[in-house]
Amino acid sequence: MANPASGKDIRRLVSYATVIDNLEKVNICKRVVLAAQAMGIQIVYFMMDTFQIGCTVRNDLQREGVLTAAIEILAIPYSASADDSTNAAAEMERRGVGCIVVLGGDGTSRAVAKGITATPIVPISTGTNNVYPVFMEGTVAGMAAAMAATFGNHTCCIQDKRIKIFINGEFKDSALIDAVLTDMTHVGSKAIWDIASIQRIVVTRCRPSSIGFSAIPGCIHAVQDTDDYGLVLITGTSGRYVQAPIAAGVIEKVYVKDAQIQPFGASPAIVAKSSGIVALDGEREIKVKKGDTLEFRIERDGPWRVQFHEILEEARKSGFFVKEQ
């Protein structure tokens, strides 16, 4: 699943973010397919997209005479929106795929996670502020995905945390890394680029070496993906501040009023003092009205993510890579 829209948002104009074009996404997908088929995978499904990445991969590899696996493009409606990733992921899980490789940013992984319950994923970073997906060679990603499909039973996988957002008691949406309450009143380009608009940041994990809004609490307290808690930070207007990498090449001063660990299930309700928008994994999504009651619940019920170093080491230990002539 390669998102053709990832890595093309407004942060290319307001920061120095990397650009990974769709031709490079095609090349990454080729390497994923070639590695997976070398590991014994016989069929690969692709999401339909506006750039026709899957079709290009299939046609190029067939023309070069190196494709042995079958490639099928999912014949489901698409709308050039995040719903495409969610719907395609749901269809892949319905078909019983062994693993889903995701190319995109935090937002793409979030969209995929909304469509699955048990299928493990290998998220490759081709977006902007990426905490959830990682920069990974496509060959390694294809090998790891093949091993996940071969071993099954969530071997060498971790079930990630998720932030669930409730407004006036009603579930609205979820985030994998961070949920940010802002006083902005319009969705606009979705990406947040005005640090002064941020009021509260809730994270499932954070560290100063991340890029994005989770780096702000990460400069105070590190939270790992294995920790059974998250963290909430409330911004201030003076006094103590941190210098955090909120975007590529952009280190910002952010005043901090408070930062506290938030255990699983603990979800103190807050009342919105003004209208605003909640951003999920860097993208403005949920409108909030003054007086609304908000809850940010952190739970470990997110997607199963393949730990690629560990699963390839498991394959080595099992002798998978050693063959007799």
C-alpha atoms as a PDB file:
ATOM      1  CA  MET A   1       0.000   0.000   0.000  1.00  0.00           C
ATOM      2  CA  ALA A   2       1.793   3.093  -1.292  1.00  0.00           C
ATOM      3  CA  ASN A   3       0.213   6.482  -0.670  1.00  0.00           C
ATOM      4  CA  PRO A   4       0.881   8.675  -3.742  1.00  0.00           C
ATOM      5  CA  ALA A   5      -0.021  11.807  -1.756  1.00  0.00           C
ATOM      6  CA  SER A   6       2.435  11.295   1.109  1.00  0.00           C
ATOM      7  CA  GLY A   7       5.330  13.728   1.376  1.00  0.00           C
ATOM      8  CA  LYS A   8       3.592  16.520  -0.518  1.00  0.00           C
ATOM      9  CA  ASP A   9       1.946  18.701   2.132  1.00  0.00           C
ATOM     10  CA  ILE A  10       2.502  22.340   3.124  1.00  0.00           C
ATOM     11  CA  ARG A  11       5.567  21.456   5.203  1.00  0.00           C
ATOM     12  CA  ARG A  12       7.553  21.440   1.930  1.00  0.00           C
ATOM     13  CA  LEU A  13       6.946  25.217   1.940  1.00  0.00           C
ATOM     14  CA  VAL A  14       7.390  26.049   5.620  1.00  0.00           C
ATOM     15  CA  SER A  15      10.262  23.678   6.457  1.00  0.00           C
ATOM     16  CA  TYR A  16      12.978  21.645   4.743  1.00  0.00           C
ATOM     17  CA  ALA A  17      11.213  18.288   4.565  1.00  0.00           C
ATOM     18  CA  THR A  18      12.433  15.473   2.336  1.00  0.00           C
ATOM     19  CA  VAL A  19      10.658  14.915  -0.973  1.00  0.00           C
ATOM     20  CA  ILE A  20      10.127  11.291  -2.021  1.00  0.00           C
ATOM     21  CA  ASP A  21       8.378  11.351  -5.363  1.00  0.00           C
ATOM     22  CA  ASN A  22       6.062   8.678  -6.728  1.00  0.00           C
ATOM     23  CA  LEU A  23       8.698   7.250  -9.051  1.00  0.00           C
ATOM     24  CA  GLU A  24      10.846   6.462  -6.033  1.00  0.00           C
ATOM     25  CA  LYS A  25       7.815   4.872  -4.346  1.00  0.00           C
ATOM     26  CA  VAL A  26       7.495   2.650  -7.425  1.00  0.00           C
ATOM     27  CA  ASN A  27      11.155   1.652  -7.053  1.00  0.00           C
ATOM     28  CA  ILE A  28      10.713   0.889  -3.354  1.00  0.00           C
ATOM     29  CA  CYS A  29       7.678  -1.268  -4.135  1.00  0.00           C
ATOM     30  CA  LYS A  30       9.647  -3.152  -6.788  1.00  0.00           C
ATOM     31  CA  ARG A  31      12.281  -4.026  -4.215  1.00  0.00           C
ATOM     32  CA  VAL A  32       9.594  -5.092  -1.734  1.00  0.00           C
ATOM     33  CA  VAL A  33       8.009  -7.429  -4.305  1.00  0.00           C
ATOM     34  CA  LEU A  34      11.315  -8.901  -5.494  1.00  0.00           C
ATOM     35  CA  ALA A  35      12.466  -9.613  -1.939  1.00  0.00           C
ATOM     36  CA  ALA A  36       9.106 -11.082  -0.912  1.00  0.00           C
ATOM     37  CA  GLN A  37       8.926 -13.433  -3.888  1.00  0.00           C
ATOM     38  CA  ALA A  38      12.506 -14.559  -3.217  1.00  0.00           C
ATOM     39  CA  MET A  39      11.339 -15.525   0.275  1.00  0.00           C
ATOM     40  CA  GLY A  40       8.548 -17.681  -1.161  1.00  0.00           C
ATOM     41  CA  ILE A  41       5.589 -15.276  -1.423  1.00  0.00           C
ATOM     42  CA  GLN A  42       3.403 -16.223  -4.387  1.00  0.00           C
ATOM     43  CA  ILE A  43       0.848 -13.413  -4.532  1.00  0.00           C
ATOM     44  CA  VAL A  44       1.057  -9.684  -3.768  1.00  0.00           C
ATOM     45  CA  TYR A  45      -1.945  -7.349  -3.608  1.00  0.00           C
ATOM     46  CA  PHE A  46      -1.708  -3.627  -4.361  1.00  0.00           C
ATOM     47  CA  MET A  47      -4.086  -0.844  -3.444  1.00  0.00           C
ATOM     48  CA  MET A  48      -5.472   1.043  -6.438  1.00  0.00           C
ATOM     49  CA  ASP A  49      -4.245   4.654  -6.455  1.00  0.00           C
ATOM     50  CA  THR A  50      -4.270   7.711  -8.683  1.00  0.00           C
ATOM     51  CA  PHE A  51      -0.638   7.226  -9.769  1.00  0.00           C
ATOM     52  CA  GLN A  52      -1.197   3.509 -10.507  1.00  0.00           C
ATOM     53  CA  ILE A  53       1.861   2.469  -8.539  1.00  0.00           C
ATOM     54  CA  GLY A  54       0.887  -1.196  -8.414  1.00  0.00           C
ATOM     55  CA  CYS A  55       0.201  -1.372 -12.161  1.00  0.00           C
ATOM     56  CA  THR A  56       3.552   0.250 -12.909  1.00  0.00           C
ATOM     57  CA  VAL A  57       5.397  -2.184 -10.627  1.00  0.00           C
ATOM     58  CA  ARG A  58       3.720  -5.177 -12.255  1.00  0.00           C
ATOM     59  CA  ASN A  59       4.273  -3.972 -15.812  1.00  0.00           C
ATOM     60  CA  ASP A  60       7.918  -3.013 -15.258  1.00  0.00           C
ATOM     61  CA  LEU A  61       8.865  -6.260 -13.499  1.00  0.00           C
ATOM     62  CA  GLN A  62       7.068  -8.345 -16.119  1.00  0.00           C
ATOM     63  CA  ARG A  63       8.830  -6.499 -18.927  1.00  0.00           C
ATOM     64  CA  GLU A  64      12.177  -7.036 -17.204  1.00  0.00           C
ATOM     65  CA  GLY A  65      11.424 -10.759 -16.853  1.00  0.00           C
ATOM     66  CA  VAL A  66      12.006 -10.865 -13.087  1.00  0.00           C
ATOM     67  CA  LEU A  67       8.458 -11.219 -11.751  1.00  0.00           C
ATOM     68  CA  THR A  68       7.524 -14.706 -10.536  1.00  0.00           C
ATOM     69  CA  ALA A  69       4.833 -13.830  -7.974  1.00  0.00           C
ATOM     70  CA  ALA A  70       1.328 -12.860  -9.058  1.00  0.00           C
ATOM     71  CA  ILE A  71       0.437  -9.189  -8.568  1.00  0.00           C
ATOM     72  CA  GLU A  72      -3.235  -8.292  -8.210  1.00  0.00           C
ATOM     73  CA  ILE A  73      -4.579  -4.734  -8.015  1.00  0.00           C
ATOM     74  CA  LEU A  74      -7.568  -4.526  -5.684  1.00  0.00           C
ATOM     75  CA  ALA A  75     -10.649  -3.773  -7.766  1.00  0.00           C
ATOM     76  CA  ILE A  76     -12.436  -1.593  -5.225  1.00  0.00           C
ATOM     77  CA  PRO A  77     -13.625   2.019  -5.574  1.00  0.00           C
ATOM     78  CA  TYR A  78     -11.149   4.740  -4.655  1.00  0.00           C
ATOM     79  CA  SER A  79     -11.553   8.449  -4.027  1.00  0.00           C
ATOM     80  CA  ALA A  80      -8.022   9.881  -3.765  1.00  0.00           C
ATOM     81  CA  SER A  81      -8.489  10.347  -0.015  1.00  0.00           C
ATOM     82  CA  ALA A  82      -7.318   8.694   3.202  1.00  0.00           C
ATOM     83  CA  ASP A  83     -10.362   6.434   2.962  1.00  0.00           C
ATOM     84  CA  ASP A  84      -8.612   4.580   0.135  1.00  0.00           C
ATOM     85  CA  SER A  85      -5.942   3.327   2.548  1.00  0.00           C
ATOM     86  CA  THR A  86      -8.528   2.357   5.167  1.00  0.00           C
ATOM     87  CA  ASN A  87     -10.770   0.532   2.698  1.00  0.00           C
ATOM     88  CA  ALA A  88      -7.910  -1.241   0.927  1.00  0.00           C
ATOM     89  CA  ALA A  89      -6.472  -2.400   4.259  1.00  0.00           C
ATOM     90  CA  ALA A  90      -9.875  -3.767   5.282  1.00  0.00           C
ATOM     91  CA  GLU A  91     -10.157  -5.638   1.984  1.00  0.00           C
ATOM     92  CA  MET A  92      -6.661  -7.084   2.364  1.00  0.00           C
ATOM     93  CA  GLU A  93      -7.491  -8.322   5.843  1.00  0.00           C
ATOM     94  CA  ARG A  94     -10.738  -9.824   4.531  1.00  0.00           C
ATOM     95  CA  ARG A  95      -8.660 -11.752   1.996  1.00  0.00           C
ATOM     96  CA  GLY A  96      -6.386 -13.033   4.745  1.00  0.00           C
ATOM     97  CA  VAL A  97      -3.091 -11.480   3.683  1.00  0.00           C
ATOM     98  CA  GLY A  98      -0.164 -12.350   5.916  1.00  0.00           C
ATOM     99  CA  CYS A  99       1.271  -8.833   6.172  1.00  0.00           C
ATOM    100  CA  ILE A 100       0.714  -5.330   4.784  1.00  0.00           C
ATOM    101  CA  VAL A 101       3.629  -3.117   3.719  1.00  0.00           C
ATOM    102  CA  VAL A 102       2.692   0.569   4.050  1.00  0.00           C
ATOM    103  CA  LEU A 103       4.508   3.419   2.282  1.00  0.00           C
ATOM    104  CA  GLY A 104       3.626   6.838   3.650  1.00  0.00           C
ATOM    105  CA  GLY A 105       3.803   8.979   6.753  1.00  0.00           C
ATOM    106  CA  ASP A 106       2.187   8.830  10.186  1.00  0.00           C
ATOM    107  CA  GLY A 107      -1.163   9.763   8.655  1.00  0.00           C
ATOM    108  CA  THR A 108      -1.050   6.907   6.137  1.00  0.00           C
ATOM    109  CA  SER A 109      -0.274   4.356   8.847  1.00  0.00           C
ATOM    110  CA  ARG A 110      -3.139   5.770  10.915  1.00  0.00           C
ATOM    111  CA  ALA A 111      -5.530   5.362   7.979  1.00  0.00           C
ATOM    112  CA  VAL A 112      -4.395   1.767   7.405  1.00  0.00           C
ATOM    113  CA  ALA A 113      -4.736   0.957  11.116  1.00  0.00           C
ATOM    114  CA  LYS A 114      -8.379   2.028  11.021  1.00  0.00           C
ATOM    115  CA  GLY A 115      -9.127  -0.720   8.503  1.00  0.00           C
ATOM    116  CA  ILE A 116      -7.517  -3.722  10.204  1.00  0.00           C
ATOM    117  CA  THR A 117      -7.667  -5.569  13.498  1.00  0.00           C
ATOM    118  CA  ALA A 118      -5.100  -8.378  13.329  1.00  0.00           C
ATOM    119  CA  THR A 119      -3.011  -8.138  10.136  1.00  0.00           C
ATOM    120  CA  PRO A 120       0.605  -7.140  10.918  1.00  0.00           C
ATOM    121  CA  ILE A 121       2.097  -4.184   9.086  1.00  0.00           C
ATOM    122  CA  VAL A 122       5.558  -3.043   7.981  1.00  0.00           C
ATOM    123  CA  PRO A 123       5.445   0.785   7.788  1.00  0.00           C
ATOM    124  CA  ILE A 124       8.060   2.446   5.521  1.00  0.00           C
ATOM    125  CA  SER A 125       8.574   6.189   5.843  1.00  0.00           C
ATOM    126  CA  THR A 126       7.906   8.174   2.664  1.00  0.00           C
ATOM    127  CA  GLY A 127       6.066  11.055   4.341  1.00  0.00           C
ATOM    128  CA  THR A 128       6.970  14.206   6.266  1.00  0.00           C
ATOM    129  CA  ASN A 129       7.123  14.072  10.077  1.00  0.00           C
ATOM    130  CA  ASN A 130       7.462  10.330  10.551  1.00  0.00           C
ATOM    131  CA  VAL A 131       7.559   8.731  13.978  1.00  0.00           C
ATOM    132  CA  TYR A 132       5.515   5.615  13.320  1.00  0.00           C
ATOM    133  CA  PRO A 133       6.974   4.469   9.974  1.00  0.00           C
ATOM    134  CA  VAL A 134      10.735   4.212   9.643  1.00  0.00           C
ATOM    135  CA  PHE A 135      13.198   4.735   6.828  1.00  0.00           C
ATOM    136  CA  MET A 136      13.849   1.200   5.643  1.00  0.00           C
ATOM    137  CA  GLU A 137      15.330  -0.343   2.518  1.00  0.00           C
ATOM    138  CA  GLY A 138      12.503  -1.865   0.456  1.00  0.00           C
ATOM    139  CA  THR A 139      14.411  -5.134   0.136  1.00  0.00           C
ATOM    140  CA  VAL A 140      14.557  -5.520   3.910  1.00  0.00           C
ATOM    141  CA  ALA A 141      10.898  -4.547   4.224  1.00  0.00           C
ATOM    142  CA  GLY A 142       9.923  -7.210   1.678  1.00  0.00           C
ATOM    143  CA  MET A 143      11.932  -9.848   3.519  1.00  0.00           C
ATOM    144  CA  ALA A 144      10.427  -8.884   6.882  1.00  0.00           C
ATOM    145  CA  ALA A 145       6.885  -8.880   5.494  1.00  0.00           C
ATOM    146  CA  ALA A 146       7.455 -12.291   3.912  1.00  0.00           C
ATOM    147  CA  MET A 147       8.695 -13.689   7.210  1.00  0.00           C
ATOM    148  CA  ALA A 148       5.690 -12.245   9.053  1.00  0.00           C
ATOM    149  CA  ALA A 149       3.371 -13.910   6.539  1.00  0.00           C
ATOM    150  CA  THR A 150       5.314 -17.192   6.710  1.00  0.00           C
ATOM    151  CA  PHE A 151       5.609 -17.463  10.493  1.00  0.00           C
ATOM    152  CA  GLY A 152       2.176 -16.027  11.352  1.00  0.00           C
ATOM    153  CA  ASN A 153       0.845 -15.735  14.924  1.00  0.00           C
ATOM    154  CA  HIS A 154       2.258 -12.196  15.228  1.00  0.00           C
ATOM    155  CA  THR A 155       5.804 -13.540  15.490  1.00  0.00           C
ATOM    156  CA  CYS A 156       8.201 -10.699  16.385  1.00  0.00           C
ATOM    157  CA  CYS A 157       5.363  -8.163  16.333  1.00  0.00           C
ATOM    158  CA  ILE A 158       4.344  -5.546  18.868  1.00  0.00           C
ATOM    159  CA  GLN A 159       0.790  -4.320  19.306  1.00  0.00           C
ATOM    160  CA  ASP A 160       1.062  -0.569  19.338  1.00  0.00           C
ATOM    161  CA  LYS A 161      -0.732   1.996  21.458  1.00  0.00           C
ATOM    162  CA  ARG A 162      -3.474   4.255  20.205  1.00  0.00           C
ATOM    163  CA  ILE A 163      -5.089   7.503  21.404  1.00  0.00           C
ATOM    164  CA  LYS A 164      -8.879   7.484  21.206  1.00  0.00           C
ATOM    165  CA  ILE A 165     -10.570  10.870  21.092  1.00  0.00           C
ATOM    166  CA  PHE A 166     -14.032  11.344  22.577  1.00  0.00           C
ATOM    167  CA  ILE A 167     -16.109  14.513  22.400  1.00  0.00           C
ATOM    168  CA  ASN A 168     -19.071  14.780  24.771  1.00  0.00           C
ATOM    169  CA  GLY A 169     -18.761  11.033  25.378  1.00  0.00           C
ATOM    170  CA  GLU A 170     -18.869  10.092  21.682  1.00  0.00           C
ATOM    171  CA  PHE A 171     -15.898   8.385  20.015  1.00  0.00           C
ATOM    172  CA  LYS A 172     -14.623  10.475  17.097  1.00  0.00           C
ATOM    173  CA  ASP A 173     -11.299   9.112  15.826  1.00  0.00           C
ATOM    174  CA  SER A 174      -7.895   7.833  16.902  1.00  0.00           C
ATOM    175  CA  ALA A 175      -4.179   8.549  16.516  1.00  0.00           C
ATOM    176  CA  LEU A 176      -1.128   6.307  16.673  1.00  0.00           C
ATOM    177  CA  ILE A 177       1.485   8.807  17.901  1.00  0.00           C
ATOM    178  CA  ASP A 178       0.043  12.174  18.907  1.00  0.00           C
ATOM    179  CA  ALA A 179      -3.210  14.065  19.295  1.00  0.00           C
ATOM    180  CA  VAL A 180      -2.824  17.842  19.435  1.00  0.00           C
ATOM    181  CA  LEU A 181      -5.496  20.272  20.594  1.00  0.00           C
ATOM    182  CA  THR A 182      -5.200  23.631  18.818  1.00  0.00           C
ATOM    183  CA  ASP A 183      -7.167  26.875  18.810  1.00  0.00           C
ATOM    184  CA  MET A 184      -7.256  26.854  15.010  1.00  0.00           C
ATOM    185  CA  THR A 185     -10.805  26.913  13.654  1.00  0.00           C
ATOM    186  CA  HIS A 186     -10.249  25.693  10.084  1.00  0.00           C
ATOM    187  CA  VAL A 187      -8.868  22.402   8.772  1.00  0.00           C
ATOM    188  CA  GLY A 188      -7.189  24.121   5.806  1.00  0.00           C
ATOM    189  CA  SER A 189      -4.093  22.289   4.600  1.00  0.00           C
ATOM    190  CA  LYS A 190      -4.420  19.919   7.613  1.00  0.00           C
ATOM    191  CA  ALA A 191      -0.760  20.093   8.662  1.00  0.00           C
ATOM    192  CA  ILE A 192      -0.044  22.290  11.702  1.00  0.00           C
ATOM    193  CA  TRP A 193       2.680  24.854  11.147  1.00  0.00           C
ATOM    194  CA  ASP A 194       1.804  27.540  13.750  1.00  0.00           C
ATOM    195  CA  ILE A 195       3.279  26.428  17.063  1.00  0.00           C
ATOM    196  CA  ALA A 196       1.465  29.206  18.966  1.00  0.00           C
ATOM    197  CA  SER A 197      -1.891  27.558  18.234  1.00  0.00           C
ATOM    198  CA  ILE A 198      -1.087  24.419  20.245  1.00  0.00           C
ATOM    199  CA  GLN A 199      -2.741  24.037  23.645  1.00  0.00           C
ATOM    200  CA  ARG A 200      -2.273  20.370  24.572  1.00  0.00           C
ATOM    201  CA  ILE A 201      -0.286  17.399  23.210  1.00  0.00           C
ATOM    202  CA  VAL A 202      -1.116  13.774  24.065  1.00  0.00           C
ATOM    203  CA  VAL A 203       1.357  11.115  22.909  1.00  0.00           C
ATOM    204  CA  THR A 204       1.714   7.339  22.936  1.00  0.00           C
ATOM    205  CA  ARG A 205       5.482   7.645  22.610  1.00  0.00           C
ATOM    206  CA  CYS A 206       7.989  10.476  22.425  1.00  0.00           C
ATOM    207  CA  ARG A 207      11.678  11.265  22.369  1.00  0.00           C
ATOM    208  CA  PRO A 208      13.832  14.241  21.399  1.00  0.00           C
ATOM    209  CA  SER A 209      15.173  12.405  18.334  1.00  0.00           C
ATOM    210  CA  SER A 210      11.738  12.360  16.682  1.00  0.00           C
ATOM    211  CA  ILE A 211      10.580  14.979  14.202  1.00  0.00           C
ATOM    212  CA  GLY A 212       7.172  16.494  14.862  1.00  0.00           C
ATOM    213  CA  PHE A 213       5.011  17.491  17.794  1.00  0.00           C
ATOM    214  CA  SER A 214       5.773  14.357  19.819  1.00  0.00           C
ATOM    215  CA  ALA A 215       9.343  15.683  20.074  1.00  0.00           C
ATOM    216  CA  ILE A 216       8.091  18.512  22.326  1.00  0.00           C
ATOM    217  CA  PRO A 217       7.122  16.261  25.273  1.00  0.00           C
ATOM    218  CA  GLY A 218      10.010  14.005  24.220  1.00  0.00           C
ATOM    219  CA  CYS A 219      12.450  16.752  25.185  1.00  0.00           C
ATOM    220  CA  ILE A 220      11.147  16.429  28.751  1.00  0.00           C
ATOM    221  CA  HIS A 221      10.384  12.748  29.220  1.00  0.00           C
ATOM    222  CA  ALA A 222      11.031   9.787  26.892  1.00  0.00           C
ATOM    223  CA  VAL A 223       8.173   7.314  26.403  1.00  0.00           C
ATOM    224  CA  GLN A 224       8.907   4.092  24.501  1.00  0.00           C
ATOM    225  CA  ASP A 225       6.550   2.045  22.356  1.00  0.00           C
ATOM    226  CA  THR A 226       6.822  -0.727  24.960  1.00  0.00           C
ATOM    227  CA  ASP A 227       5.806   1.495  27.903  1.00  0.00           C
ATOM    228  CA  ASP A 228       2.257   0.899  29.107  1.00  0.00           C
ATOM    229  CA  TYR A 229       1.447   4.574  29.403  1.00  0.00           C
ATOM    230  CA  GLY A 230       1.566   7.798  27.432  1.00  0.00           C
ATOM    231  CA  LEU A 231       2.193  11.441  28.244  1.00  0.00           C
ATOM    232  CA  VAL A 232       0.200  14.666  28.137  1.00  0.00           C
ATOM    233  CA  LEU A 233       1.796  18.115  27.791  1.00  0.00           C
ATOM    234  CA  ILE A 234       0.071  21.458  28.312  1.00  0.00           C
ATOM    235  CA  THR A 235       1.692  24.443  26.667  1.00  0.00           C
ATOM    236  CA  GLY A 236       2.299  27.762  28.416  1.00  0.00           C
ATOM    237  CA  THR A 237       3.090  31.339  27.478  1.00  0.00           C
ATOM    238  CA  SER A 238       6.178  32.046  29.566  1.00  0.00           C
ATOM    239  CA  GLY A 239       8.698  30.511  31.955  1.00  0.00           C
ATOM    240  CA  ARG A 240      10.051  27.039  31.251  1.00  0.00           C
ATOM    241  CA  TYR A 241      10.446  26.101  27.604  1.00  0.00           C
ATOM    242  CA  VAL A 242      11.982  23.421  25.433  1.00  0.00           C
ATOM    243  CA  GLN A 243      13.702  23.637  22.075  1.00  0.00           C
ATOM    244  CA  ALA A 244      12.238  20.846  19.952  1.00  0.00           C
ATOM    245  CA  PRO A 245      12.523  19.684  16.317  1.00  0.00           C
ATOM    246  CA  ILE A 246       8.905  20.173  15.236  1.00  0.00           C
ATOM    247  CA  ALA A 247       9.681  19.871  11.508  1.00  0.00           C
ATOM    248  CA  ALA A 248      12.614  19.110   9.238  1.00  0.00           C
ATOM    249  CA  GLY A 249      15.241  21.794   9.846  1.00  0.00           C
ATOM    250  CA  VAL A 250      12.949  23.675  12.253  1.00  0.00           C
ATOM    251  CA  ILE A 251      13.822  23.897  15.981  1.00  0.00           C
ATOM    252  CA  GLU A 252      11.152  25.835  17.882  1.00  0.00           C
ATOM    253  CA  LYS A 253      10.942  27.303  21.365  1.00  0.00           C
ATOM    254  CA  VAL A 254       7.821  25.907  23.073  1.00  0.00           C
ATOM    255  CA  TYR A 255       6.710  27.053  26.528  1.00  0.00           C
ATOM    256  CA  VAL A 256       5.576  24.228  28.785  1.00  0.00           C
ATOM    257  CA  LYS A 257       3.084  24.652  31.609  1.00  0.00           C
ATOM    258  CA  ASP A 258       2.894  20.984  32.635  1.00  0.00           C
ATOM    259  CA  ALA A 259       3.833  17.496  31.463  1.00  0.00           C
ATOM    260  CA  GLN A 260       2.548  14.321  33.113  1.00  0.00           C
ATOM    261  CA  ILE A 261       2.467  10.579  32.525  1.00  0.00           C
ATOM    262  CA  GLN A 262      -0.977   9.332  31.472  1.00  0.00           C
ATOM    263  CA  PRO A 263      -1.689   5.663  32.357  1.00  0.00           C
ATOM    264  CA  PHE A 264      -3.821   3.416  30.169  1.00  0.00           C
ATOM    265  CA  GLY A 265      -7.529   4.035  30.656  1.00  0.00           C
ATOM    266  CA  ALA A 266      -6.961   7.213  32.649  1.00  0.00           C
ATOM    267  CA  SER A 267      -8.730   9.914  30.675  1.00  0.00           C
ATOM    268  CA  PRO A 268      -9.330  13.132  32.587  1.00  0.00           C
ATOM    269  CA  ALA A 269     -12.069  15.091  30.838  1.00  0.00           C
ATOM    270  CA  ILE A 270     -11.297  18.661  29.813  1.00  0.00           C
ATOM    271  CA  VAL A 271     -13.701  21.368  28.723  1.00  0.00           C
ATOM    272  CA  ALA A 272     -12.741  23.330  25.613  1.00  0.00           C
ATOM    273  CA  LYS A 273     -12.267  26.988  26.506  1.00  0.00           C
ATOM    274  CA  SER A 274     -12.595  27.996  22.853  1.00  0.00           C
ATOM    275  CA  SER A 275     -13.432  26.510  19.494  1.00  0.00           C
ATOM    276  CA  GLY A 276     -10.581  24.665  17.831  1.00  0.00           C
ATOM    277  CA  ILE A 277      -9.399  21.567  16.033  1.00  0.00           C
ATOM    278  CA  VAL A 278      -7.723  18.353  17.185  1.00  0.00           C
ATOM    279  CA  ALA A 279      -4.895  17.200  14.933  1.00  0.00           C
ATOM    280  CA  LEU A 280      -4.229  13.469  14.711  1.00  0.00           C
ATOM    281  CA  ASP A 281      -0.688  12.369  13.868  1.00  0.00           C
ATOM    282  CA  GLY A 282       0.049  15.815  12.473  1.00  0.00           C
ATOM    283  CA  GLU A 283      -3.152  16.419  10.509  1.00  0.00           C
ATOM    284  CA  ARG A 284      -6.065  18.595  11.611  1.00  0.00           C
ATOM    285  CA  GLU A 285      -9.157  16.392  11.644  1.00  0.00           C
ATOM    286  CA  ILE A 286     -11.701  16.981  14.442  1.00  0.00           C
ATOM    287  CA  LYS A 287     -13.526  20.258  15.025  1.00  0.00           C
ATOM    288  CA  VAL A 288     -14.166  21.271  18.636  1.00  0.00           C
ATOM    289  CA  LYS A 289     -16.717  23.787  19.903  1.00  0.00           C
ATOM    290  CA  LYS A 290     -16.321  25.956  22.974  1.00  0.00           C
ATOM    291  CA  GLY A 291     -17.764  24.069  25.952  1.00  0.00           C
ATOM    292  CA  ASP A 292     -17.252  20.590  24.453  1.00  0.00           C
ATOM    293  CA  THR A 293     -15.941  17.924  26.806  1.00  0.00           C
ATOM    294  CA  LEU A 294     -12.864  16.147  25.430  1.00  0.00           C
ATOM    295  CA  GLU A 295     -11.211  12.892  26.451  1.00  0.00           C
ATOM    296  CA  PHE A 296      -7.957  11.441  25.139  1.00  0.00           C
ATOM    297  CA  ARG A 297      -7.772   7.766  26.114  1.00  0.00           C
ATOM    298  CA  ILE A 298      -4.552   5.821  25.579  1.00  0.00           C
ATOM    299  CA  GLU A 299      -4.862   2.057  25.132  1.00  0.00           C
ATOM    300  CA  ARG A 300      -2.800  -0.756  23.638  1.00  0.00           C
ATOM    301  CA  ASP A 301      -5.249  -1.797  20.954  1.00  0.00           C
ATOM    302  CA  GLY A 302      -3.507  -0.414  17.877  1.00  0.00           C
ATOM    303  CA  PRO A 303      -2.101  -2.308  14.897  1.00  0.00           C
ATOM    304  CA  TRP A 304       0.376  -5.158  15.121  1.00  0.00           C
ATOM    305  CA  ARG A 305       3.711  -3.849  13.811  1.00  0.00           C
ATOM    306  CA  VAL A 306       6.476  -6.153  12.586  1.00  0.00           C
ATOM    307  CA  GLN A 307       9.829  -5.610  14.287  1.00  0.00           C
ATOM    308  CA  PHE A 308      11.932  -6.166  11.197  1.00  0.00           C
ATOM    309  CA  HIS A 309      15.323  -6.631  12.838  1.00  0.00           C
ATOM    310  CA  GLU A 310      13.910  -9.224  15.223  1.00  0.00           C
ATOM    311  CA  ILE A 311      11.935 -11.210  12.657  1.00  0.00           C
ATOM    312  CA  LEU A 312      14.885 -11.483  10.283  1.00  0.00           C
ATOM    313  CA  GLU A 313      17.042 -12.625  13.180  1.00  0.00           C
ATOM    314  CA  GLU A 314      14.361 -15.214  14.034  1.00  0.00           C
ATOM    315  CA  ALA A 315      14.461 -16.402  10.420  1.00  0.00           C
ATOM    316  CA  ARG A 316      18.231 -16.712  10.630  1.00  0.00           C
ATOM    317  CA  LYS A 317      18.040 -18.732  13.842  1.00  0.00           C
ATOM    318  CA  SER A 318      15.518 -21.088  12.259  1.00  0.00           C
ATOM    319  CA  GLY A 319      17.843 -21.669   9.293  1.00  0.00           C
ATOM    320  CA  PHE A 320      15.407 -20.169   6.812  1.00  0.00           C
ATOM    321  CA  PHE A 321      18.101 -18.543   4.681  1.00  0.00           C
ATOM    322  CA  VAL A 322      20.330 -21.642   4.419  1.00  0.00           C
ATOM    323  CA  LYS A 323      19.436 -24.029   1.563  1.00  0.00           C
ATOM    324  CA  GLU A 324      20.911 -27.325   0.349  1.00  0.00           C
ATOM    325  CA  GLN A 325      21.891 -27.676  -3.299  1.00  0.00           C
END
